[in-house]
N, C-alpha and C. Protein backbone atom coordinates (compact mmCIF):
# COMPACT_ATOMS: atom_id res chain seq x y z
N MET A 1 -49.85 -29.87 -55.25
CA MET A 1 -51.01 -30.03 -54.29
C MET A 1 -51.76 -31.26 -54.29
N SER A 2 -51.74 -31.80 -53.28
CA SER A 2 -52.62 -32.96 -53.32
C SER A 2 -53.80 -32.85 -52.50
N LEU A 3 -54.98 -33.33 -52.97
CA LEU A 3 -56.19 -33.03 -52.33
C LEU A 3 -56.87 -34.14 -51.14
N SER A 4 -57.42 -33.90 -50.22
CA SER A 4 -57.24 -34.85 -49.48
C SER A 4 -58.53 -35.68 -49.55
N THR A 5 -58.27 -37.16 -49.36
CA THR A 5 -59.66 -38.00 -49.32
C THR A 5 -60.21 -38.09 -47.82
N THR A 6 -59.41 -37.94 -46.87
CA THR A 6 -59.81 -38.24 -45.57
C THR A 6 -60.54 -37.04 -45.07
N PRO A 7 -61.74 -37.67 -44.44
CA PRO A 7 -62.78 -36.14 -44.22
C PRO A 7 -62.11 -35.82 -42.85
N PHE A 8 -62.61 -34.61 -43.25
CA PHE A 8 -61.97 -33.27 -41.92
C PHE A 8 -63.03 -33.42 -41.00
N TYR A 9 -63.87 -33.77 -40.88
CA TYR A 9 -64.88 -33.98 -39.62
C TYR A 9 -65.19 -35.20 -39.64
N VAL A 10 -65.24 -36.19 -38.40
CA VAL A 10 -66.01 -37.10 -38.00
C VAL A 10 -66.89 -36.98 -36.83
N ALA A 11 -68.02 -37.97 -37.06
CA ALA A 11 -69.03 -37.68 -36.35
C ALA A 11 -68.61 -37.73 -34.52
N GLY A 12 -68.34 -38.92 -34.44
CA GLY A 12 -67.83 -38.74 -33.01
C GLY A 12 -66.88 -38.13 -32.44
N GLN A 13 -66.32 -37.47 -33.27
CA GLN A 13 -65.23 -36.50 -32.88
C GLN A 13 -65.60 -34.99 -32.72
N TYR A 14 -66.50 -34.52 -33.71
CA TYR A 14 -67.20 -33.44 -34.18
C TYR A 14 -67.22 -32.54 -33.18
N ARG A 15 -66.28 -31.30 -32.93
CA ARG A 15 -66.37 -30.24 -31.95
C ARG A 15 -67.08 -28.93 -32.86
N PRO A 16 -68.02 -28.24 -32.29
CA PRO A 16 -68.60 -27.34 -33.18
C PRO A 16 -67.47 -25.95 -33.19
N GLU A 17 -67.05 -25.93 -32.19
CA GLU A 17 -65.76 -24.91 -32.41
C GLU A 17 -64.83 -24.94 -33.30
N GLN A 18 -64.56 -25.96 -33.84
CA GLN A 18 -63.60 -26.54 -34.82
C GLN A 18 -64.36 -26.26 -36.04
N SER A 19 -65.33 -26.30 -36.26
CA SER A 19 -66.12 -26.20 -37.47
C SER A 19 -66.10 -25.01 -38.52
N VAL A 20 -65.78 -25.53 -39.57
CA VAL A 20 -65.71 -24.24 -40.24
C VAL A 20 -67.11 -23.38 -40.59
N GLY A 21 -68.32 -24.24 -40.35
CA GLY A 21 -69.58 -23.34 -40.43
C GLY A 21 -69.74 -22.74 -39.29
N HIS A 22 -69.14 -23.14 -38.14
CA HIS A 22 -69.59 -22.18 -36.95
C HIS A 22 -68.37 -21.17 -37.10
N LEU A 23 -67.44 -21.04 -37.28
CA LEU A 23 -66.62 -20.09 -37.35
C LEU A 23 -66.92 -18.99 -38.15
N MET A 24 -67.58 -19.64 -39.53
CA MET A 24 -68.08 -18.36 -40.57
C MET A 24 -69.53 -17.71 -39.91
N ASN A 25 -70.35 -18.76 -39.42
CA ASN A 25 -71.44 -17.92 -38.68
C ASN A 25 -71.05 -17.02 -37.55
N LYS A 26 -70.03 -17.13 -36.92
CA LYS A 26 -69.50 -16.22 -35.90
C LYS A 26 -68.88 -14.88 -36.38
N VAL A 27 -68.44 -15.38 -37.68
CA VAL A 27 -67.62 -13.98 -38.23
C VAL A 27 -68.82 -13.20 -39.00
N LEU A 28 -69.68 -14.11 -39.44
CA LEU A 28 -70.90 -13.29 -40.20
C LEU A 28 -71.90 -12.49 -39.02
N SER A 29 -71.96 -13.12 -38.11
CA SER A 29 -72.63 -12.45 -37.03
C SER A 29 -72.26 -11.31 -36.94
N SER A 30 -70.56 -11.17 -36.60
CA SER A 30 -69.81 -10.33 -35.92
C SER A 30 -69.62 -8.99 -36.98
N ILE A 31 -69.80 -9.16 -38.11
CA ILE A 31 -70.05 -8.34 -39.45
C ILE A 31 -71.39 -7.67 -39.30
N LEU A 32 -72.27 -8.57 -39.39
CA LEU A 32 -73.87 -7.94 -39.47
C LEU A 32 -73.90 -6.84 -37.87
N ALA A 33 -73.64 -7.33 -36.80
CA ALA A 33 -73.66 -6.64 -35.58
C ALA A 33 -72.58 -5.06 -35.85
N GLN A 34 -71.73 -5.17 -36.22
CA GLN A 34 -70.88 -4.10 -36.39
C GLN A 34 -71.92 -3.18 -37.53
N ALA A 35 -72.24 -3.76 -38.68
CA ALA A 35 -72.92 -3.00 -39.42
C ALA A 35 -74.11 -2.47 -39.11
N ASP A 36 -74.83 -3.01 -38.45
CA ASP A 36 -76.03 -2.53 -37.60
C ASP A 36 -75.78 -1.58 -36.50
N LYS A 37 -74.70 -1.64 -36.03
CA LYS A 37 -74.21 -0.58 -34.97
C LYS A 37 -73.83 0.50 -35.98
N GLN A 38 -73.07 0.63 -36.98
CA GLN A 38 -72.74 1.68 -37.67
C GLN A 38 -74.29 2.08 -38.55
N LEU A 39 -75.16 1.52 -38.87
CA LEU A 39 -76.29 2.17 -39.47
C LEU A 39 -77.27 2.54 -38.69
N ALA A 40 -76.85 2.31 -37.26
CA ALA A 40 -78.25 2.73 -36.10
C ALA A 40 -78.63 3.95 -36.52
N PRO A 41 -77.49 5.02 -37.00
CA PRO A 41 -78.04 6.50 -37.11
C PRO A 41 -79.20 6.59 -38.38
N TYR A 42 -79.30 5.69 -38.99
CA TYR A 42 -80.37 6.13 -40.06
C TYR A 42 -81.46 5.06 -39.50
N GLN A 43 -81.71 4.75 -38.44
CA GLN A 43 -82.75 3.52 -38.08
C GLN A 43 -82.84 2.20 -38.73
N LEU A 44 -81.56 1.64 -39.33
CA LEU A 44 -81.74 0.48 -40.28
C LEU A 44 -81.04 -0.35 -39.49
N THR A 45 -81.82 -1.64 -39.81
CA THR A 45 -81.24 -2.98 -39.17
C THR A 45 -80.79 -3.73 -40.43
N TYR A 46 -80.25 -5.06 -40.44
CA TYR A 46 -79.93 -5.89 -41.41
C TYR A 46 -81.06 -6.06 -42.59
N VAL A 47 -82.15 -6.35 -41.65
CA VAL A 47 -83.17 -6.94 -42.41
C VAL A 47 -83.95 -5.97 -43.48
N GLN A 48 -83.45 -4.40 -43.05
CA GLN A 48 -83.74 -3.39 -43.91
C GLN A 48 -82.66 -2.55 -44.75
N TRP A 49 -81.42 -2.50 -44.24
CA TRP A 49 -80.22 -1.85 -45.02
C TRP A 49 -80.01 -2.93 -46.42
N LEU A 50 -79.89 -4.36 -46.00
CA LEU A 50 -79.92 -5.18 -47.11
C LEU A 50 -80.53 -5.22 -48.12
N PRO A 51 -81.84 -4.84 -48.21
CA PRO A 51 -83.06 -4.49 -49.12
C PRO A 51 -82.54 -3.29 -49.71
N LEU A 52 -82.27 -2.42 -49.05
CA LEU A 52 -81.90 -1.05 -49.53
C LEU A 52 -80.54 -1.15 -50.41
N PHE A 53 -79.88 -1.64 -49.95
CA PHE A 53 -78.63 -2.12 -50.77
C PHE A 53 -78.91 -2.58 -52.06
N LYS A 54 -79.27 -3.56 -51.68
CA LYS A 54 -79.66 -4.40 -53.38
C LYS A 54 -80.62 -3.71 -54.09
N LEU A 55 -81.69 -2.59 -53.76
CA LEU A 55 -82.38 -1.52 -54.76
C LEU A 55 -81.34 -0.61 -55.17
N LEU A 56 -80.22 -0.40 -54.29
CA LEU A 56 -79.16 0.95 -54.80
C LEU A 56 -78.64 0.27 -55.97
N THR A 57 -78.67 -1.06 -56.19
CA THR A 57 -77.49 -1.75 -57.46
C THR A 57 -78.42 -2.51 -58.41
N HIS A 58 -79.87 -2.40 -58.20
CA HIS A 58 -80.50 -3.69 -58.88
C HIS A 58 -82.30 -2.54 -58.71
N ASP A 59 -82.37 -1.47 -59.25
CA ASP A 59 -83.28 -1.11 -59.22
C ASP A 59 -84.56 -1.47 -59.90
N GLY A 60 -85.92 -1.38 -59.42
CA GLY A 60 -86.93 -2.38 -60.06
C GLY A 60 -86.89 -3.68 -59.82
N ILE A 61 -86.46 -4.32 -59.31
CA ILE A 61 -86.55 -5.47 -58.81
C ILE A 61 -87.79 -6.34 -58.17
N THR A 62 -88.16 -7.17 -57.92
CA THR A 62 -89.08 -7.43 -57.46
C THR A 62 -89.10 -7.90 -55.97
N ALA A 63 -90.09 -8.28 -55.07
CA ALA A 63 -89.66 -8.61 -53.73
C ALA A 63 -89.57 -10.31 -53.78
N ALA A 64 -90.05 -11.05 -54.67
CA ALA A 64 -89.86 -12.41 -54.87
C ALA A 64 -88.34 -12.51 -55.16
N TRP A 65 -87.96 -11.91 -55.97
CA TRP A 65 -86.42 -11.90 -56.25
C TRP A 65 -85.46 -11.54 -55.55
N LEU A 66 -85.82 -10.53 -54.52
CA LEU A 66 -85.01 -9.89 -53.40
C LEU A 66 -85.19 -10.70 -52.46
N ALA A 67 -85.84 -11.79 -52.29
CA ALA A 67 -86.35 -13.00 -51.01
C ALA A 67 -85.14 -13.73 -51.45
N ARG A 68 -85.27 -14.23 -52.78
CA ARG A 68 -84.59 -15.12 -53.15
C ARG A 68 -83.00 -14.90 -53.19
N ASP A 69 -82.68 -13.71 -53.44
CA ASP A 69 -81.56 -13.26 -53.77
C ASP A 69 -80.78 -13.06 -52.33
N ILE A 70 -81.18 -12.84 -51.49
CA ILE A 70 -80.86 -13.05 -50.15
C ILE A 70 -81.13 -13.85 -48.99
N ALA A 71 -81.92 -15.04 -49.83
CA ALA A 71 -82.01 -16.10 -48.78
C ALA A 71 -83.10 -15.57 -47.54
N MET A 72 -83.69 -14.76 -47.83
CA MET A 72 -84.77 -14.27 -46.88
C MET A 72 -86.27 -15.24 -47.19
N ASP A 73 -86.90 -15.49 -46.03
CA ASP A 73 -88.31 -16.28 -46.08
C ASP A 73 -89.40 -14.94 -47.00
N PRO A 74 -90.02 -15.22 -48.10
CA PRO A 74 -90.89 -13.86 -48.38
C PRO A 74 -91.82 -13.41 -47.37
N ALA A 75 -92.29 -13.75 -46.59
CA ALA A 75 -92.99 -13.46 -45.34
C ALA A 75 -92.11 -12.27 -44.32
N ALA A 76 -90.82 -12.52 -44.05
CA ALA A 76 -90.39 -11.74 -43.64
C ALA A 76 -89.68 -10.39 -44.48
N MET A 77 -89.54 -10.82 -45.80
CA MET A 77 -89.35 -9.92 -46.80
C MET A 77 -90.23 -8.60 -46.86
N THR A 78 -91.56 -9.23 -47.04
CA THR A 78 -92.62 -8.55 -47.08
C THR A 78 -92.74 -7.80 -45.94
N ARG A 79 -92.47 -7.93 -44.59
CA ARG A 79 -92.65 -7.12 -43.62
C ARG A 79 -91.53 -6.14 -43.26
N SER A 80 -90.27 -6.63 -43.97
CA SER A 80 -89.17 -5.36 -43.81
C SER A 80 -89.66 -4.34 -44.93
N LEU A 81 -90.10 -4.47 -45.96
CA LEU A 81 -90.29 -3.83 -47.25
C LEU A 81 -91.56 -3.00 -46.88
N ASP A 82 -92.46 -3.55 -45.76
CA ASP A 82 -93.52 -2.53 -45.54
C ASP A 82 -93.00 -1.57 -44.59
N ARG A 83 -92.03 -1.81 -43.73
CA ARG A 83 -91.16 -1.06 -42.94
C ARG A 83 -90.43 0.42 -43.51
N LEU A 84 -89.81 -0.52 -44.46
CA LEU A 84 -88.98 0.46 -45.44
C LEU A 84 -90.12 1.77 -46.26
N GLU A 85 -91.31 0.91 -46.39
CA GLU A 85 -92.37 1.74 -47.18
C GLU A 85 -92.90 2.69 -46.39
N ARG A 86 -93.02 2.38 -45.22
CA ARG A 86 -93.87 3.41 -43.96
C ARG A 86 -92.81 4.47 -43.45
N LYS A 87 -91.39 4.08 -43.50
CA LYS A 87 -90.38 5.06 -43.47
C LYS A 87 -90.28 5.96 -44.83
N GLY A 88 -90.89 5.94 -46.03
CA GLY A 88 -90.69 6.84 -47.09
C GLY A 88 -89.32 6.51 -47.78
N LEU A 89 -88.95 5.03 -47.43
CA LEU A 89 -87.39 4.63 -48.62
C LEU A 89 -87.64 4.23 -49.63
N ILE A 90 -88.56 3.54 -49.80
CA ILE A 90 -89.10 2.64 -50.90
C ILE A 90 -90.35 2.82 -51.55
N ARG A 91 -90.74 2.58 -52.52
CA ARG A 91 -92.11 2.76 -53.19
C ARG A 91 -92.36 1.35 -53.96
N ARG A 92 -93.76 1.05 -54.15
CA ARG A 92 -94.03 -0.18 -54.61
C ARG A 92 -94.61 0.22 -56.18
N GLU A 93 -94.37 -0.33 -57.10
CA GLU A 93 -94.93 0.00 -58.63
C GLU A 93 -95.38 -1.13 -59.04
N ARG A 94 -96.54 -1.34 -59.41
CA ARG A 94 -97.27 -2.60 -60.17
C ARG A 94 -96.99 -2.74 -61.48
N SER A 95 -96.78 -3.62 -62.11
CA SER A 95 -95.77 -3.80 -63.15
C SER A 95 -96.85 -3.12 -64.36
N THR A 96 -96.68 -2.70 -65.13
CA THR A 96 -97.38 -2.40 -66.55
C THR A 96 -97.60 -3.80 -67.52
N HIS A 97 -96.67 -4.57 -67.41
CA HIS A 97 -96.71 -5.84 -68.22
C HIS A 97 -97.34 -7.13 -67.78
N ASP A 98 -97.04 -7.08 -66.09
CA ASP A 98 -97.71 -8.05 -65.71
C ASP A 98 -98.31 -7.56 -64.31
N ARG A 99 -99.15 -7.37 -63.94
CA ARG A 99 -100.48 -6.93 -63.05
C ARG A 99 -100.10 -7.64 -62.03
N ARG A 100 -99.55 -9.02 -62.06
CA ARG A 100 -99.42 -9.50 -60.65
C ARG A 100 -97.91 -8.95 -60.09
N ALA A 101 -97.12 -8.55 -60.75
CA ALA A 101 -95.97 -8.18 -60.21
C ALA A 101 -95.76 -6.94 -59.75
N VAL A 102 -94.95 -6.50 -58.83
CA VAL A 102 -94.71 -5.38 -58.18
C VAL A 102 -93.20 -5.00 -57.89
N HIS A 103 -92.58 -4.09 -58.65
CA HIS A 103 -91.46 -3.68 -58.72
C HIS A 103 -91.24 -2.70 -57.60
N LEU A 104 -89.90 -2.91 -56.97
CA LEU A 104 -89.68 -2.20 -55.66
C LEU A 104 -88.68 -0.97 -56.35
N HIS A 105 -88.84 0.22 -55.91
CA HIS A 105 -88.02 1.39 -56.19
C HIS A 105 -87.13 2.30 -55.00
N LEU A 106 -86.22 2.67 -55.01
CA LEU A 106 -85.90 3.59 -53.63
C LEU A 106 -86.58 5.16 -53.90
N THR A 107 -86.74 5.64 -53.23
CA THR A 107 -87.33 6.85 -53.11
C THR A 107 -86.25 7.91 -52.99
N ASP A 108 -86.58 9.08 -53.27
CA ASP A 108 -85.24 10.08 -53.21
C ASP A 108 -84.55 9.74 -51.61
N ALA A 109 -85.42 9.87 -50.31
CA ALA A 109 -84.87 9.50 -49.27
C ALA A 109 -84.16 8.37 -49.06
N GLY A 110 -84.94 7.02 -49.56
CA GLY A 110 -84.24 6.07 -49.66
C GLY A 110 -82.71 6.05 -50.23
N LYS A 111 -82.75 6.74 -51.51
CA LYS A 111 -81.48 6.69 -52.00
C LYS A 111 -80.42 7.53 -51.28
N GLN A 112 -80.92 8.43 -50.48
CA GLN A 112 -80.09 9.39 -49.42
C GLN A 112 -79.46 8.61 -48.40
N VAL A 113 -80.17 7.44 -47.68
CA VAL A 113 -79.83 6.25 -46.92
C VAL A 113 -79.00 5.52 -47.76
N ALA A 114 -79.52 4.72 -48.27
CA ALA A 114 -78.87 3.61 -49.12
C ALA A 114 -77.57 3.90 -49.38
N ILE A 115 -77.08 5.32 -50.05
CA ILE A 115 -75.64 5.34 -50.13
C ILE A 115 -74.51 5.24 -49.30
N HIS A 116 -75.06 4.98 -48.12
CA HIS A 116 -73.92 5.10 -46.88
C HIS A 116 -74.03 3.69 -46.46
N VAL A 117 -74.71 2.49 -46.99
CA VAL A 117 -74.51 1.44 -46.80
C VAL A 117 -73.08 0.92 -47.32
N PRO A 118 -72.55 0.92 -48.58
CA PRO A 118 -71.27 0.62 -49.13
C PRO A 118 -70.57 0.76 -48.12
N GLU A 119 -70.37 2.44 -48.02
CA GLU A 119 -68.95 2.31 -47.16
C GLU A 119 -68.90 1.93 -45.75
N VAL A 120 -70.44 1.71 -45.18
CA VAL A 120 -70.37 1.01 -43.87
C VAL A 120 -70.02 -0.53 -43.98
N LEU A 121 -70.23 -0.89 -45.16
CA LEU A 121 -70.07 -2.50 -45.29
C LEU A 121 -68.35 -2.48 -45.44
N ALA A 122 -67.78 -1.61 -46.35
CA ALA A 122 -66.21 -1.64 -46.83
C ALA A 122 -65.79 -1.29 -45.37
N ASN A 123 -65.86 -0.51 -44.61
CA ASN A 123 -65.29 -0.20 -43.54
C ASN A 123 -65.60 -1.53 -42.58
N VAL A 124 -66.61 -2.10 -42.46
CA VAL A 124 -66.76 -3.35 -41.50
C VAL A 124 -65.80 -4.42 -41.82
N LEU A 125 -66.19 -4.64 -43.06
CA LEU A 125 -65.30 -5.71 -43.41
C LEU A 125 -63.70 -5.61 -43.33
N ASN A 126 -63.28 -4.17 -43.97
CA ASN A 126 -62.09 -3.95 -43.71
C ASN A 126 -61.15 -4.11 -42.05
N GLY A 127 -62.35 -3.85 -41.30
CA GLY A 127 -62.14 -4.24 -39.94
C GLY A 127 -61.75 -5.43 -39.24
N HIS A 128 -62.68 -6.33 -40.14
CA HIS A 128 -62.45 -7.56 -40.04
C HIS A 128 -61.27 -8.67 -40.42
N LEU A 129 -60.99 -7.86 -41.63
CA LEU A 129 -59.52 -8.16 -42.24
C LEU A 129 -58.45 -7.39 -41.96
N GLN A 130 -58.33 -6.90 -41.06
CA GLN A 130 -57.04 -6.17 -40.41
C GLN A 130 -56.09 -7.07 -40.32
N GLY A 131 -54.92 -6.83 -40.60
CA GLY A 131 -53.80 -7.50 -40.50
C GLY A 131 -53.71 -8.45 -41.25
N PHE A 132 -54.66 -8.66 -42.48
CA PHE A 132 -54.42 -9.59 -43.50
C PHE A 132 -53.65 -9.16 -44.70
N THR A 133 -52.86 -9.96 -45.05
CA THR A 133 -52.34 -9.46 -46.79
C THR A 133 -53.19 -9.60 -47.90
N ALA A 134 -52.91 -9.04 -48.78
CA ALA A 134 -53.79 -8.85 -49.97
C ALA A 134 -53.83 -10.20 -50.45
N ASP A 135 -52.59 -11.02 -50.59
CA ASP A 135 -52.91 -12.49 -50.84
C ASP A 135 -53.56 -13.47 -50.08
N GLU A 136 -53.39 -13.11 -48.65
CA GLU A 136 -54.35 -13.78 -47.63
C GLU A 136 -55.95 -13.53 -47.90
N TRP A 137 -56.03 -12.01 -48.11
CA TRP A 137 -57.63 -12.02 -48.89
C TRP A 137 -58.18 -12.49 -49.78
N GLN A 138 -57.06 -12.69 -50.96
CA GLN A 138 -57.49 -13.25 -52.11
C GLN A 138 -58.00 -15.15 -52.15
N HIS A 139 -57.10 -15.46 -51.15
CA HIS A 139 -56.86 -16.71 -50.91
C HIS A 139 -58.30 -17.07 -50.06
N MET A 140 -58.38 -16.39 -49.39
CA MET A 140 -59.51 -16.66 -48.57
C MET A 140 -60.86 -16.49 -49.42
N GLN A 141 -61.10 -15.73 -50.44
CA GLN A 141 -62.11 -15.15 -51.62
C GLN A 141 -62.07 -16.51 -52.06
N SER A 142 -61.14 -17.41 -52.38
CA SER A 142 -61.03 -18.46 -53.43
C SER A 142 -61.55 -19.70 -52.59
N LEU A 143 -61.18 -19.70 -51.44
CA LEU A 143 -61.54 -20.81 -50.62
C LEU A 143 -62.94 -20.79 -50.35
N LEU A 144 -63.58 -19.62 -50.11
CA LEU A 144 -65.18 -19.66 -49.96
C LEU A 144 -65.91 -20.06 -51.17
N GLN A 145 -65.24 -19.41 -52.09
CA GLN A 145 -66.04 -19.33 -53.59
C GLN A 145 -66.07 -21.29 -53.95
N ARG A 146 -64.87 -21.87 -53.35
CA ARG A 146 -64.71 -23.37 -53.72
C ARG A 146 -65.73 -23.74 -52.98
N MET A 147 -66.11 -23.50 -51.49
CA MET A 147 -67.04 -24.18 -50.59
C MET A 147 -68.23 -23.90 -51.23
N LEU A 148 -68.62 -22.64 -51.63
CA LEU A 148 -70.02 -22.49 -52.52
C LEU A 148 -70.21 -23.40 -53.33
N ILE A 149 -69.17 -23.62 -54.31
CA ILE A 149 -69.43 -24.43 -55.73
C ILE A 149 -69.60 -25.96 -55.00
N ASN A 150 -68.91 -26.27 -54.12
CA ASN A 150 -69.13 -27.72 -53.51
C ASN A 150 -70.58 -27.55 -52.96
N GLY A 151 -71.07 -26.42 -52.27
CA GLY A 151 -72.69 -26.42 -51.81
C GLY A 151 -73.39 -26.64 -52.79
N GLN A 152 -73.31 -26.07 -53.87
CA GLN A 152 -74.03 -26.05 -54.90
C GLN A 152 -74.01 -27.39 -55.69
N ALA A 153 -72.98 -28.12 -55.80
CA ALA A 153 -72.88 -29.46 -56.35
C ALA A 153 -73.63 -30.37 -55.10
N MET A 154 -73.80 -30.07 -53.99
CA MET A 154 -74.29 -30.92 -53.42
C MET A 154 -75.95 -30.93 -53.57
N LYS A 155 -76.66 -29.56 -53.70
CA LYS A 155 -77.91 -29.46 -54.09
C LYS A 155 -78.21 -30.42 -55.45
N GLN A 156 -77.41 -30.87 -56.26
CA GLN A 156 -77.89 -31.32 -57.61
C GLN A 156 -78.27 -32.77 -57.27
N PRO A 157 -79.19 -33.13 -57.68
CA PRO A 157 -79.95 -34.34 -57.44
C PRO A 157 -78.53 -35.50 -58.13
N PRO A 158 -78.64 -36.42 -57.17
CA PRO A 158 -77.60 -37.79 -57.85
C PRO A 158 -78.45 -38.23 -58.97
N SER A 159 -77.04 -38.75 -59.89
CA SER A 159 -77.39 -39.08 -61.19
C SER A 159 -78.33 -40.38 -61.09
N LEU A 160 -78.88 -41.12 -61.69
CA LEU A 160 -80.00 -42.04 -61.83
C LEU A 160 -79.00 -43.27 -61.66
N THR A 161 -78.05 -43.15 -62.36
CA THR A 161 -77.00 -44.48 -62.73
C THR A 161 -76.47 -44.59 -61.08
N ALA A 162 -76.24 -43.32 -60.44
CA ALA A 162 -75.70 -43.55 -59.30
C ALA A 162 -76.76 -44.00 -58.14
N ALA A 163 -77.61 -43.58 -58.38
CA ALA A 163 -78.70 -43.84 -57.25
C ALA A 163 -79.62 -45.53 -57.12
N LEU A 164 -79.12 -46.31 -58.50
CA LEU A 164 -79.68 -47.39 -58.47
C LEU A 164 -78.31 -48.71 -58.07
N PRO A 165 -79.32 -49.71 -57.39
CA PRO A 165 -78.24 -50.41 -56.59
C PRO A 165 -77.73 -51.60 -57.86
N CYS A 166 -76.41 -51.79 -57.65
CA CYS A 166 -75.89 -52.73 -58.94
C CYS A 166 -76.24 -54.08 -58.53
N SER A 167 -77.29 -54.64 -59.62
CA SER A 167 -77.04 -56.25 -59.33
C SER A 167 -76.81 -57.02 -60.27
N PRO A 168 -76.43 -58.13 -60.51
CA PRO A 168 -75.65 -58.64 -61.40
C PRO A 168 -76.92 -59.40 -62.51
N ARG A 169 -76.79 -59.32 -63.69
CA ARG A 169 -77.60 -59.99 -64.54
C ARG A 169 -77.73 -61.45 -64.38
N PRO A 170 -78.95 -61.93 -64.70
CA PRO A 170 -79.44 -63.42 -64.63
C PRO A 170 -78.57 -64.09 -66.11
C-alpha cells in the first residue's frame, strides 16, 4: 500500500459535494434527525438526549466536562441542562470537596428515559449501515479514527525549528 503525496483536494477545483467533510456532515445530520425522530415520544432532542446518554455512562460529571466532551458551547449546555432539570430528568449537586463544582446526576425518571437512547442509536446506526459487510464497517471505523488522529495532529503547534526561517550563517 502506497501513501499518496498528491493532495486530494485542490482549491480551484474544490467541489463541496465531493468533500469528505461535507459527506460526513450529511451522514451525521441524517443520523441525528432519525435519532431525534425516534426519541420524540420521550420529548427529547439531540441537545437533550446526548447529555442524558453521557450521564447514563458517566454519573456525576460536571457541566464543563460534558460540554467539552460533546463539543457543545457551555452556555448552550447550561440551557439544555436547565430544560432537563425542569423536566425532572437530572439533578445538580454541589460538590462537597469544591463548592464551585456542580455534579450532574440522572433522576430515576431520567434513567427511565436515558435507557432508551442506546437502543435508538444502535437502530439508527444499523439502519445507516444496512448493506455494509463487517469488514467494510471495521474499515470505515479505522479510516475515521485515522482522520481524527490527523486532525488532532493539526491542532499541535508547529515545532519551533519548523517555524523559524532558515538563514545562512555569516
